[in-house]
Amino acid sequence: MTEGVRRPRASKRELRAWAWVAGALAFLAPAAVFGAVPKPPQDATRASDRPDLVIRKITRRIVITRPAVSSPVRYVTGGSTSGSSSVSSGPATTSTGGS
């Protein structure tokens, strides 16, 4: 049996060059595809059912004012409204129900 002549192995420099060529082609292929696509006629774009785009600029105005000065709180003790005539000397004591 005869063996065919064997091709010499590619060097690293040749492999890198082919890798760069393949990468460049892969990068530029989509641009070529988009460039080859024909543009639609102008009448077809206006005849679509899409509404026109309306852009509105909304401006919000913020007004910073000083807080209103409140008058001091005055506590007034008064008599009982339950009908008894006794005057309490202070607030009623409460319990939390614990020990």
Protein backbone atom coordinates (compact mmCIF):
# COMPACT_ATOMS: atom_id res chain seq x y z
CA MET A 1 0.00 0.00 0.00
CA THR A 2 1.23 3.34 -0.85
CA GLU A 3 0.84 6.25 1.44
CA GLY A 4 0.04 9.68 0.06
CA VAL A 5 2.28 12.59 0.56
CA ARG A 6 1.51 14.13 3.89
CA ARG A 7 0.96 17.90 4.08
CA PRO A 8 3.21 19.70 6.50
CA ARG A 9 1.57 20.95 9.65
CA ALA A 10 0.57 24.64 9.78
CA SER A 11 2.63 26.90 12.00
CA LYS A 12 1.21 28.94 14.86
CA ARG A 13 1.62 32.10 12.81
CA GLU A 14 -0.50 30.66 9.96
CA LEU A 15 -3.18 29.46 12.39
CA ARG A 16 -3.37 32.89 14.04
CA ALA A 17 -3.66 34.58 10.65
CA TRP A 18 -6.54 32.28 9.64
CA ALA A 19 -8.21 32.91 13.01
CA TRP A 20 -8.01 36.68 12.45
CA VAL A 21 -9.46 36.32 8.95
CA ALA A 22 -12.32 34.17 10.23
CA GLY A 23 -13.02 36.60 13.08
CA ALA A 24 -13.09 39.59 10.73
CA LEU A 25 -15.48 37.80 8.39
CA ALA A 26 -17.74 36.84 11.28
CA PHE A 27 -17.74 40.47 12.47
CA LEU A 28 -18.50 41.96 9.03
CA ALA A 29 -21.03 39.36 7.84
CA PRO A 30 -24.08 40.92 9.57
CA ALA A 31 -23.25 44.35 8.13
CA ALA A 32 -23.13 42.84 4.64
CA VAL A 33 -26.49 41.13 5.17
CA PHE A 34 -28.16 44.33 6.41
CA GLY A 35 -26.63 46.31 3.55
CA ALA A 36 -27.98 43.87 0.98
CA VAL A 37 -31.59 44.08 2.18
CA PRO A 38 -33.65 46.45 -0.04
CA LYS A 39 -35.35 49.38 1.66
CA PRO A 40 -39.16 49.46 1.58
CA PRO A 41 -40.81 52.19 -0.51
CA GLN A 42 -41.90 55.35 1.31
CA ASP A 43 -45.61 54.78 0.55
CA ALA A 44 -45.61 51.44 2.34
CA THR A 45 -44.29 52.94 5.56
CA ARG A 46 -47.02 55.63 5.70
CA ALA A 47 -49.81 53.21 4.79
CA SER A 48 -49.29 51.16 7.95
CA ASP A 49 -51.78 51.33 10.81
CA ARG A 50 -49.24 52.65 13.28
CA PRO A 51 -50.21 55.94 14.90
CA ASP A 52 -47.85 58.89 14.69
CA LEU A 53 -45.43 59.22 17.55
CA VAL A 54 -46.23 62.11 19.91
CA ILE A 55 -43.50 63.32 22.26
CA ARG A 56 -44.53 65.45 25.22
CA LYS A 57 -42.14 67.07 27.60
CA ILE A 58 -43.47 67.09 31.16
CA THR A 59 -42.00 69.60 33.58
CA ARG A 60 -42.74 69.42 37.26
CA ARG A 61 -42.25 72.50 39.35
CA ILE A 62 -41.17 72.02 42.95
CA VAL A 63 -41.67 74.91 45.37
CA ILE A 64 -39.84 74.71 48.68
CA THR A 65 -41.36 76.73 51.49
CA ARG A 66 -40.56 77.06 55.16
CA PRO A 67 -42.77 75.04 57.50
CA ALA A 68 -45.55 76.94 59.20
CA VAL A 69 -44.77 78.06 62.72
CA SER A 70 -47.19 76.40 65.10
CA SER A 71 -48.30 77.94 68.35
CA PRO A 72 -47.19 76.22 71.57
CA VAL A 73 -49.52 73.57 72.91
CA ARG A 74 -51.35 74.50 76.10
CA TYR A 75 -52.80 71.78 78.31
CA VAL A 76 -55.86 72.68 80.33
CA THR A 77 -57.12 70.44 83.12
CA GLY A 78 -60.83 70.41 83.62
CA GLY A 79 -63.49 68.74 85.65
CA SER A 80 -64.93 65.33 84.96
CA THR A 81 -67.68 65.09 82.37
CA SER A 82 -69.19 61.93 83.84
CA GLY A 83 -71.49 63.89 86.10
CA SER A 84 -69.71 63.42 89.41
CA SER A 85 -68.64 66.51 91.25
CA SER A 86 -65.26 65.23 92.44
CA VAL A 87 -62.18 66.90 90.97
CA SER A 88 -59.30 64.63 90.14
CA SER A 89 -55.82 65.73 90.98
CA GLY A 90 -54.14 64.16 87.92
CA PRO A 91 -54.46 61.61 85.23
CA ALA A 92 -55.86 58.22 86.12
CA THR A 93 -53.35 55.46 86.75
CA THR A 94 -53.38 52.55 84.36
CA SER A 95 -52.12 49.03 84.56
CA THR A 96 -50.83 46.70 81.86
CA GLY A 97 -52.39 43.71 83.58
CA GLY A 98 -49.04 42.10 84.36
CA SER A 99 -47.65 41.33 87.82
